[in-house]
């Protein structure tokens, strides 16, 4: 990052007013009569109605279009445990994306709490305000417990975007890449570097989609997660395999797929050279990938590559997913985000990449951009206006069909 860009980022966040979001009124408040309706005495009428029937909160308040983006700042981007307050710019950014892409309103909430039980209790107590909860940047393994407990105790959609959001977009891109490389998920040998929230959630989703457990090699800081290790938490142990492979280099030999959700420059070009024919490399660490794209293409000419960056082809970006997951769930007042809804999002994103790209998207990215399904176009672009209809619509339909909607609106 150049000094010029750094200063531009700081200026963007501080001028003309601090931050990226603000609250706007949705009703007139100009006259005395308006104010009498907005507050006392008129506000008493919806209060009485909601007290009699809590579901009417969706009719008389903003609950049905309001999501909480909640973090304790323990795993912020690639910056680590920076604390709740330092994570606020990221949560505001998430709020901006929700509004920009899916017209979902957000309160960002930074909770100064590292105890997972206390964090759960805090979120449960404030949950009545919201139509959905988006967890963000909570470190593993605590994030798995927090999400699981909230799903048990709340009757509104709960999503940990670092888990399911990442998994959905990675899965959509990978299915398209495997198709182009004439491989199948069931037979693909997959190496995942990074055994935190994103890595474990992505591997779980790939298993649901048809990957074979014995073909998945999950790698953490200590090496391959194998059955003889005695230092594994319950979430990693689920992926322990019987193998004599111990290092990332061992696991990469003959691999069809590499997925990196770890840190910068951890994958060597020599390891890419040992992969199977027509390999797939998803180096998703941000801002610096596990291996730079030019190193990959120099090592192999038959590779399909994706990163987490917008300045390289095939950006794997969660914004393709999370705004529309919640848009679809909120539109039908779903009580959860379940497996059927997640799979619907995967297939909707996957299929949209194969459709002709609208002219305005091509113009936005440049007329010379390759906007046709292929090795450098695995996923639709974030500015594609069809995402809202296609993904949110598929999620809403899946919610209805899977029984995640108590009362069809």
Protein backbone atom coordinates (compact mmCIF):
# COMPACT_ATOMS: atom_id res chain seq x y z
CA UNK A 1 0.00 0.00 0.00
CA UNK A 2 1.49 3.34 -1.06
CA UNK A 3 1.63 6.36 1.22
CA UNK A 4 -0.66 8.15 -1.23
CA UNK A 5 -3.31 5.43 -1.06
CA UNK A 6 -3.01 5.23 2.73
CA UNK A 7 -3.69 8.95 3.02
CA UNK A 8 -6.57 8.72 0.54
CA UNK A 9 -8.14 5.97 2.68
CA UNK A 10 -7.80 8.06 5.83
CA UNK A 11 -9.23 11.13 4.09
CA UNK A 12 -12.15 9.08 2.73
CA UNK A 13 -13.07 7.96 6.23
CA UNK A 14 -12.71 11.38 7.85
CA UNK A 15 -14.12 13.90 5.31
CA UNK A 16 -16.52 15.58 4.89
CA UNK A 17 -17.88 13.91 8.04
CA UNK A 18 -16.34 11.03 10.04
CA UNK A 19 -17.38 7.48 9.18
CA UNK A 20 -19.26 5.87 6.30
CA UNK A 21 -22.86 5.58 7.52
CA UNK A 22 -25.58 7.72 9.05
CA UNK A 23 -29.24 7.41 10.07
CA UNK A 24 -31.89 8.84 7.75
CA UNK A 25 -35.56 9.48 8.52
CA UNK A 26 -38.13 7.50 6.58
CA UNK A 27 -41.21 9.53 7.60
CA UNK A 28 -42.04 13.25 7.55
CA UNK A 29 -41.28 15.13 10.78
CA UNK A 30 -41.86 18.70 9.62
CA UNK A 31 -45.10 19.71 11.33
CA UNK A 32 -46.41 19.50 14.85
CA UNK A 33 -48.91 16.90 13.59
CA UNK A 34 -46.08 14.78 12.11
CA UNK A 35 -44.30 14.86 15.46
CA UNK A 36 -47.47 13.88 17.31
CA UNK A 37 -47.65 10.78 15.11
CA UNK A 38 -43.95 9.98 15.27
CA UNK A 39 -43.77 10.27 19.04
CA UNK A 40 -46.26 11.01 21.76
CA UNK A 41 -49.19 10.48 21.69
CA UNK A 42 -49.33 8.65 18.32
CA UNK A 43 -46.48 6.24 18.99
CA UNK A 44 -48.55 4.60 21.72
CA UNK A 45 -50.81 2.96 19.12
CA UNK A 46 -48.19 0.68 17.50
CA UNK A 47 -46.79 -0.03 20.97
CA UNK A 48 -50.18 -1.41 22.04
CA UNK A 49 -50.49 -3.47 18.86
CA UNK A 50 -47.01 -5.00 19.15
CA UNK A 51 -47.61 -5.80 22.83
CA UNK A 52 -50.64 -7.84 21.75
CA UNK A 53 -48.94 -9.42 18.71
CA UNK A 54 -45.11 -9.26 18.55
CA UNK A 55 -45.10 -10.13 14.84
CA UNK A 56 -46.57 -6.68 14.16
CA UNK A 57 -43.13 -5.22 14.92
CA UNK A 58 -42.40 -6.09 11.28
CA UNK A 59 -45.34 -3.90 10.20
CA UNK A 60 -44.85 -0.90 12.47
CA UNK A 61 -41.04 -0.70 12.92
CA UNK A 62 -37.87 -1.11 10.85
CA UNK A 63 -37.14 -4.55 12.34
CA UNK A 64 -37.88 -6.39 9.09
CA UNK A 65 -35.16 -4.56 7.15
CA UNK A 66 -32.60 -4.12 9.94
CA UNK A 67 -29.53 -6.31 10.44
CA UNK A 68 -26.97 -6.10 13.22
CA UNK A 69 -23.35 -6.41 12.11
CA UNK A 70 -21.67 -7.51 15.32
CA UNK A 71 -17.99 -8.02 16.13
CA UNK A 72 -15.71 -8.15 19.14
CA UNK A 73 -12.70 -7.25 17.00
CA UNK A 74 -10.72 -10.40 17.73
CA UNK A 75 -10.01 -11.35 14.08
CA UNK A 76 -10.30 -8.21 11.94
CA UNK A 77 -9.34 -8.74 8.29
CA UNK A 78 -5.69 -9.77 8.23
CA UNK A 79 -4.92 -7.50 11.18
CA UNK A 80 -5.82 -9.94 13.96
CA UNK A 81 -7.06 -9.01 17.41
CA UNK A 82 -7.19 -5.22 17.18
CA UNK A 83 -10.09 -4.84 19.60
CA UNK A 84 -13.73 -3.91 19.23
CA UNK A 85 -13.28 -0.18 18.62
CA UNK A 86 -10.53 -0.54 16.01
CA UNK A 87 -12.78 -2.96 14.13
CA UNK A 88 -15.53 -0.35 13.76
CA UNK A 89 -14.40 0.95 10.33
CA UNK A 90 -14.76 -2.59 8.97
CA UNK A 91 -18.23 -2.99 10.46
CA UNK A 92 -19.27 0.37 9.00
CA UNK A 93 -17.93 -0.83 5.67
CA UNK A 94 -20.05 -3.94 5.94
CA UNK A 95 -23.06 -1.74 6.68
CA UNK A 96 -22.33 0.31 3.57
CA UNK A 97 -22.20 -2.81 1.41
CA UNK A 98 -25.48 -4.12 2.82
CA UNK A 99 -27.18 -0.84 1.94
CA UNK A 100 -25.49 -0.35 -1.42
CA UNK A 101 -26.17 -3.79 -2.82
CA UNK A 102 -29.34 -5.04 -1.12
CA UNK A 103 -30.95 -1.96 0.48
CA UNK A 104 -30.67 -3.58 3.90
CA UNK A 105 -30.30 -1.20 6.87
CA UNK A 106 -27.60 -1.97 9.43
CA UNK A 107 -26.57 -0.98 12.92
CA UNK A 108 -22.92 -1.86 13.43
CA UNK A 109 -22.31 -3.00 16.99
CA UNK A 110 -18.84 -3.42 18.43
CA UNK A 111 -18.88 -5.44 21.66
CA UNK A 112 -15.95 -5.12 24.06
CA UNK A 113 -16.05 -8.75 25.16
CA UNK A 114 -13.78 -11.72 24.49
CA UNK A 115 -15.66 -14.29 26.57
CA UNK A 116 -17.84 -16.28 24.13
CA UNK A 117 -20.60 -16.97 26.67
CA UNK A 118 -20.88 -13.31 27.59
CA UNK A 119 -20.85 -12.35 23.91
CA UNK A 120 -23.74 -14.73 23.25
CA UNK A 121 -25.74 -13.31 26.16
CA UNK A 122 -25.14 -9.75 24.96
CA UNK A 123 -26.35 -10.53 21.46
CA UNK A 124 -29.40 -12.46 22.67
CA UNK A 125 -30.47 -9.51 24.82
CA UNK A 126 -30.32 -6.99 21.95
CA UNK A 127 -31.70 -9.34 19.30
CA UNK A 128 -35.36 -8.14 19.51
CA UNK A 129 -34.28 -4.95 17.68
CA UNK A 130 -33.24 -6.80 14.55
CA UNK A 131 -34.52 -8.92 11.70
CA UNK A 132 -31.14 -10.68 11.39
CA UNK A 133 -27.68 -10.99 12.94
CA UNK A 134 -24.46 -10.88 10.87
CA UNK A 135 -21.45 -11.92 12.96
CA UNK A 136 -18.12 -10.59 11.78
CA UNK A 137 -14.42 -10.88 12.60
CA UNK A 138 -14.74 -13.09 15.69
CA UNK A 139 -11.74 -15.39 16.06
CA UNK A 140 -11.85 -19.17 15.85
CA UNK A 141 -12.66 -21.43 17.56
CA UNK A 142 -14.89 -19.16 19.67
CA UNK A 143 -16.81 -18.05 16.58
CA UNK A 144 -18.18 -21.56 16.04
CA UNK A 145 -19.62 -21.67 19.56
CA UNK A 146 -21.10 -18.17 19.33
CA UNK A 147 -22.82 -18.84 16.04
CA UNK A 148 -24.13 -22.23 17.13
CA UNK A 149 -25.57 -20.92 20.39
CA UNK A 150 -27.25 -17.95 18.71
CA UNK A 151 -28.87 -20.21 16.14
CA UNK A 152 -30.30 -22.31 18.95
CA UNK A 153 -31.65 -19.36 20.93
CA UNK A 154 -32.87 -16.91 18.30
CA UNK A 155 -35.70 -17.13 15.78
CA UNK A 156 -34.14 -14.72 13.28
CA UNK A 157 -31.45 -15.41 10.65
CA UNK A 158 -27.91 -15.65 12.03
CA UNK A 159 -24.85 -15.76 9.78
CA UNK A 160 -21.13 -15.63 10.47
CA UNK A 161 -19.96 -14.15 7.19
CA UNK A 162 -16.35 -15.24 7.72
CA UNK A 163 -17.70 -18.80 7.75
CA UNK A 164 -20.73 -19.25 5.51
CA UNK A 165 -20.25 -16.12 3.40
CA UNK A 166 -16.74 -17.12 2.41
CA UNK A 167 -17.73 -20.76 1.95
CA UNK A 168 -20.59 -19.93 -0.43
CA UNK A 169 -18.52 -17.80 -2.79
CA UNK A 170 -15.53 -20.16 -2.72
CA UNK A 171 -17.84 -23.10 -3.48
CA UNK A 172 -19.51 -21.33 -6.41
CA UNK A 173 -16.14 -20.40 -7.91
CA UNK A 174 -14.68 -23.85 -7.31
CA UNK A 175 -17.57 -25.70 -8.96
CA UNK A 176 -17.15 -23.54 -12.05
CA UNK A 177 -13.35 -23.98 -12.05
CA UNK A 178 -13.66 -27.76 -11.73
CA UNK A 179 -16.06 -27.82 -14.65
CA UNK A 180 -13.60 -25.87 -16.80
CA UNK A 181 -10.74 -28.15 -15.79
CA UNK A 182 -12.95 -31.19 -16.52
CA UNK A 183 -12.79 -32.46 -12.95
CA UNK A 184 -15.39 -33.38 -10.36
CA UNK A 185 -15.68 -32.35 -6.72
CA UNK A 186 -16.15 -35.97 -5.68
CA UNK A 187 -12.74 -36.98 -7.03
CA UNK A 188 -10.80 -33.76 -6.46
CA UNK A 189 -7.92 -33.82 -3.98
CA UNK A 190 -8.25 -30.56 -2.01
CA UNK A 191 -5.66 -28.82 0.14
CA UNK A 192 -6.92 -26.02 2.39
CA UNK A 193 -4.32 -23.85 4.09
CA UNK A 194 -5.99 -22.20 7.07
CA UNK A 195 -8.06 -24.04 9.68
CA UNK A 196 -9.95 -21.12 11.15
CA UNK A 197 -13.50 -19.94 10.55
CA UNK A 198 -13.27 -19.64 6.77
CA UNK A 199 -11.30 -22.81 6.16
CA UNK A 200 -13.41 -25.13 8.29
CA UNK A 201 -16.73 -23.70 7.09
CA UNK A 202 -15.63 -23.95 3.45
CA UNK A 203 -14.56 -27.57 3.83
CA UNK A 204 -17.86 -28.42 5.52
CA UNK A 205 -19.80 -26.90 2.66
CA UNK A 206 -17.69 -28.74 0.08
CA UNK A 207 -18.49 -32.01 1.87
CA UNK A 208 -22.19 -31.17 1.63
CA UNK A 209 -21.74 -30.50 -2.08
CA UNK A 210 -20.10 -33.87 -2.69
CA UNK A 211 -16.41 -33.73 -1.80
CA UNK A 212 -14.95 -36.83 -0.15
CA UNK A 213 -13.55 -36.43 3.35
CA UNK A 214 -10.49 -38.57 2.63
CA UNK A 215 -9.59 -36.21 -0.23
CA UNK A 216 -9.47 -33.10 1.97
CA UNK A 217 -6.19 -32.10 3.61
CA UNK A 218 -6.64 -29.24 6.05
CA UNK A 219 -3.38 -27.54 7.04
CA UNK A 220 -2.78 -25.23 10.01
CA UNK A 221 0.37 -23.66 11.47
CA UNK A 222 1.56 -27.05 12.74
CA UNK A 223 1.08 -28.79 9.38
CA UNK A 224 -1.40 -31.29 8.03
CA UNK A 225 -4.30 -32.08 10.37
CA UNK A 226 -3.89 -35.83 10.73
CA UNK A 227 -5.32 -38.48 13.03
CA UNK A 228 -2.18 -38.83 15.17
CA UNK A 229 -2.12 -35.22 16.34
CA UNK A 230 -3.12 -34.59 19.95
CA UNK A 231 -3.35 -30.79 19.74
CA UNK A 232 -6.61 -30.46 17.80
CA UNK A 233 -9.79 -28.75 18.96
CA UNK A 234 -13.14 -30.39 18.23
CA UNK A 235 -13.61 -28.45 15.01
CA UNK A 236 -10.24 -29.39 13.52
CA UNK A 237 -10.49 -33.00 14.66
CA UNK A 238 -13.47 -33.46 12.37
CA UNK A 239 -11.01 -33.15 9.46
CA UNK A 240 -8.19 -35.30 10.83
CA UNK A 241 -7.20 -37.88 8.20
CA UNK A 242 -5.10 -41.02 8.27
CA UNK A 243 -2.06 -40.00 6.24
CA UNK A 244 1.71 -39.88 6.36
CA UNK A 245 1.67 -36.35 4.92
CA UNK A 246 2.86 -33.82 7.46
CA UNK A 247 3.70 -30.56 5.69
CA UNK A 248 1.98 -28.29 3.21
CA UNK A 249 4.54 -29.36 0.61
CA UNK A 250 3.62 -33.02 1.23
CA UNK A 251 -0.09 -32.31 0.85
CA UNK A 252 0.36 -30.31 -2.36
CA UNK A 253 1.89 -33.24 -4.25
CA UNK A 254 -0.74 -34.39 -6.74
CA UNK A 255 -3.40 -32.01 -5.40
CA UNK A 256 -6.12 -30.82 -7.76
CA UNK A 257 -7.15 -27.81 -5.67
CA UNK A 258 -5.42 -25.40 -3.32
CA UNK A 259 -7.54 -23.06 -1.20
CA UNK A 260 -5.68 -20.53 0.91
CA UNK A 261 -7.49 -18.68 3.70
CA UNK A 262 -4.44 -18.08 5.83
CA UNK A 263 -1.73 -15.48 5.35
CA UNK A 264 0.69 -13.90 2.88
CA UNK A 265 3.37 -15.75 0.90
CA UNK A 266 2.92 -19.16 2.51
CA UNK A 267 2.69 -21.14 -0.75
CA UNK A 268 5.82 -21.65 -2.84
CA UNK A 269 5.85 -21.85 -6.62
CA UNK A 270 7.64 -25.20 -6.34
CA UNK A 271 4.60 -26.59 -4.49
CA UNK A 272 2.32 -25.47 -7.32
CA UNK A 273 4.58 -27.32 -9.78
CA UNK A 274 3.94 -30.58 -7.90
CA UNK A 275 0.14 -30.34 -8.23
CA UNK A 276 -1.87 -32.57 -10.57
CA UNK A 277 -2.54 -31.62 -14.19
CA UNK A 278 -4.95 -28.70 -14.69
CA UNK A 279 -4.83 -27.51 -11.08
CA UNK A 280 -6.89 -24.84 -9.34
CA UNK A 281 -5.26 -22.32 -6.99
CA UNK A 282 -7.40 -20.03 -4.82
CA UNK A 283 -4.96 -17.78 -2.93
CA UNK A 284 -7.44 -15.73 -0.94
CA UNK A 285 -5.40 -14.06 1.80
CA UNK A 286 -5.89 -10.27 1.75
CA UNK A 287 -4.27 -7.95 0.91
CA UNK A 288 -1.28 -10.17 0.15
CA UNK A 289 -2.16 -13.65 -1.19
CA UNK A 290 -0.51 -16.90 -0.18
CA UNK A 291 1.27 -16.69 -3.54
CA UNK A 292 1.28 -13.86 -6.05
CA UNK A 293 -0.55 -14.56 -9.34
CA UNK A 294 2.53 -14.01 -11.50
CA UNK A 295 4.37 -16.72 -9.56
CA UNK A 296 1.53 -19.16 -10.17
CA UNK A 297 1.32 -18.52 -13.90
CA UNK A 298 5.09 -18.79 -14.25
CA UNK A 299 5.01 -22.13 -12.45
CA UNK A 300 2.07 -23.59 -14.41
CA UNK A 301 0.37 -22.74 -17.68
CA UNK A 302 -2.59 -25.06 -17.07
CA UNK A 303 -3.73 -23.46 -13.81
CA UNK A 304 -6.95 -21.61 -12.97
CA UNK A 305 -6.29 -18.93 -10.39
CA UNK A 306 -8.43 -16.84 -8.03
CA UNK A 307 -7.53 -14.34 -5.31
CA UNK A 308 -9.34 -12.10 -2.85
CA UNK A 309 -8.23 -8.95 -4.67
CA UNK A 310 -10.13 -6.83 -7.15
CA UNK A 311 -7.02 -6.04 -9.24
CA UNK A 312 -6.65 -9.66 -10.39
CA UNK A 313 -9.14 -11.87 -12.29
CA UNK A 314 -11.55 -14.04 -10.31
CA UNK A 315 -11.92 -12.07 -7.13
CA UNK A 316 -13.59 -14.25 -4.50
CA UNK A 317 -15.59 -11.58 -2.72
CA UNK A 318 -18.18 -12.17 0.01
CA UNK A 319 -20.20 -9.20 -1.24
CA UNK A 320 -21.52 -11.55 -3.93
CA UNK A 321 -23.32 -13.37 -1.15
CA UNK A 322 -24.05 -11.87 2.26
CA UNK A 323 -26.25 -8.88 1.23
CA UNK A 324 -28.49 -11.15 -0.82
CA UNK A 325 -28.64 -13.96 1.72
CA UNK A 326 -30.13 -11.50 4.18
CA UNK A 327 -32.25 -9.76 1.54
CA UNK A 328 -33.88 -13.06 0.63
CA UNK A 329 -34.27 -14.12 4.26
CA UNK A 330 -35.75 -10.79 5.34
CA UNK A 331 -38.15 -10.64 2.41
CA UNK A 332 -39.93 -13.77 3.62
CA UNK A 333 -39.27 -13.26 7.34
CA UNK A 334 -37.20 -16.43 7.58
CA UNK A 335 -36.41 -17.64 11.08
CA UNK A 336 -32.96 -18.92 10.13
CA UNK A 337 -30.42 -19.28 7.35
CA UNK A 338 -30.35 -23.02 6.79
CA UNK A 339 -28.46 -25.41 4.54
CA UNK A 340 -31.04 -25.23 1.76
CA UNK A 341 -30.73 -21.44 1.62
CA UNK A 342 -26.93 -21.64 1.58
CA UNK A 343 -26.94 -24.16 -1.26
CA UNK A 344 -29.42 -22.01 -3.18
CA UNK A 345 -27.01 -19.10 -2.94
CA UNK A 346 -24.11 -21.25 -4.19
CA UNK A 347 -25.96 -22.43 -7.26
CA UNK A 348 -27.43 -19.01 -8.05
CA UNK A 349 -23.99 -17.35 -8.01
CA UNK A 350 -22.47 -20.26 -9.93
CA UNK A 351 -25.07 -20.13 -12.70
CA UNK A 352 -25.04 -16.33 -13.03
CA UNK A 353 -21.38 -16.48 -14.09
CA UNK A 354 -22.46 -18.37 -17.19
CA UNK A 355 -24.99 -15.78 -18.36
CA UNK A 356 -24.27 -12.86 -20.67
CA UNK A 357 -23.01 -9.87 -18.71
CA UNK A 358 -25.06 -6.64 -18.78
CA UNK A 359 -23.54 -3.83 -20.82
CA UNK A 360 -23.31 -1.50 -17.83
CA UNK A 361 -21.11 -4.00 -15.96
CA UNK A 362 -18.80 -4.41 -18.95
CA UNK A 363 -18.56 -0.63 -19.26
CA UNK A 364 -17.82 -0.30 -15.55
CA UNK A 365 -14.87 -2.69 -15.74
CA UNK A 366 -13.66 -1.66 -19.20
CA UNK A 367 -14.64 -2.84 -22.65
CA UNK A 368 -11.46 -4.92 -22.90
CA UNK A 369 -12.33 -6.92 -19.78
CA UNK A 370 -12.92 -10.60 -20.35
CA UNK A 371 -16.55 -10.93 -19.21
CA UNK A 372 -17.29 -14.39 -20.56
CA UNK A 373 -17.44 -17.59 -18.52
CA UNK A 374 -13.99 -19.12 -18.55
CA UNK A 375 -10.68 -19.43 -16.66
CA UNK A 376 -10.54 -15.69 -15.86
CA UNK A 377 -14.28 -15.25 -15.23
CA UNK A 378 -15.53 -17.76 -12.67
CA UNK A 379 -17.85 -15.42 -10.77
CA UNK A 380 -20.14 -12.48 -11.54
CA UNK A 381 -18.81 -9.04 -10.70
CA UNK A 382 -19.98 -7.34 -7.47
CA UNK A 383 -21.65 -4.54 -9.46
CA UNK A 384 -23.81 -6.97 -11.46
CA UNK A 385 -27.38 -5.77 -10.78
CA UNK A 386 -28.81 -9.24 -11.35
CA UNK A 387 -27.31 -10.57 -8.12
CA UNK A 388 -30.06 -9.04 -6.02
CA UNK A 389 -32.84 -10.69 -7.98
CA UNK A 390 -31.11 -14.01 -8.70
CA UNK A 391 -29.45 -14.75 -5.37
CA UNK A 392 -31.98 -13.14 -3.02
CA UNK A 393 -34.81 -14.73 -5.00
CA UNK A 394 -33.24 -18.18 -4.84
CA UNK A 395 -32.60 -17.83 -1.10
CA UNK A 396 -36.17 -16.67 -0.43
CA UNK A 397 -37.61 -19.57 -2.41
CA UNK A 398 -35.37 -22.05 -0.60
CA UNK A 399 -36.46 -20.59 2.75
CA UNK A 400 -40.10 -21.15 1.86
CA UNK A 401 -39.60 -24.66 0.51
CA UNK A 402 -37.41 -25.77 3.43
CA UNK A 403 -39.84 -24.59 6.10
CA UNK A 404 -37.71 -21.69 7.39
CA UNK A 405 -40.73 -19.36 7.10
CA UNK A 406 -43.38 -19.56 9.81
CA UNK A 407 -45.93 -17.45 7.97
CA UNK A 408 -45.70 -16.72 4.28
CA UNK A 409 -45.83 -12.97 3.64
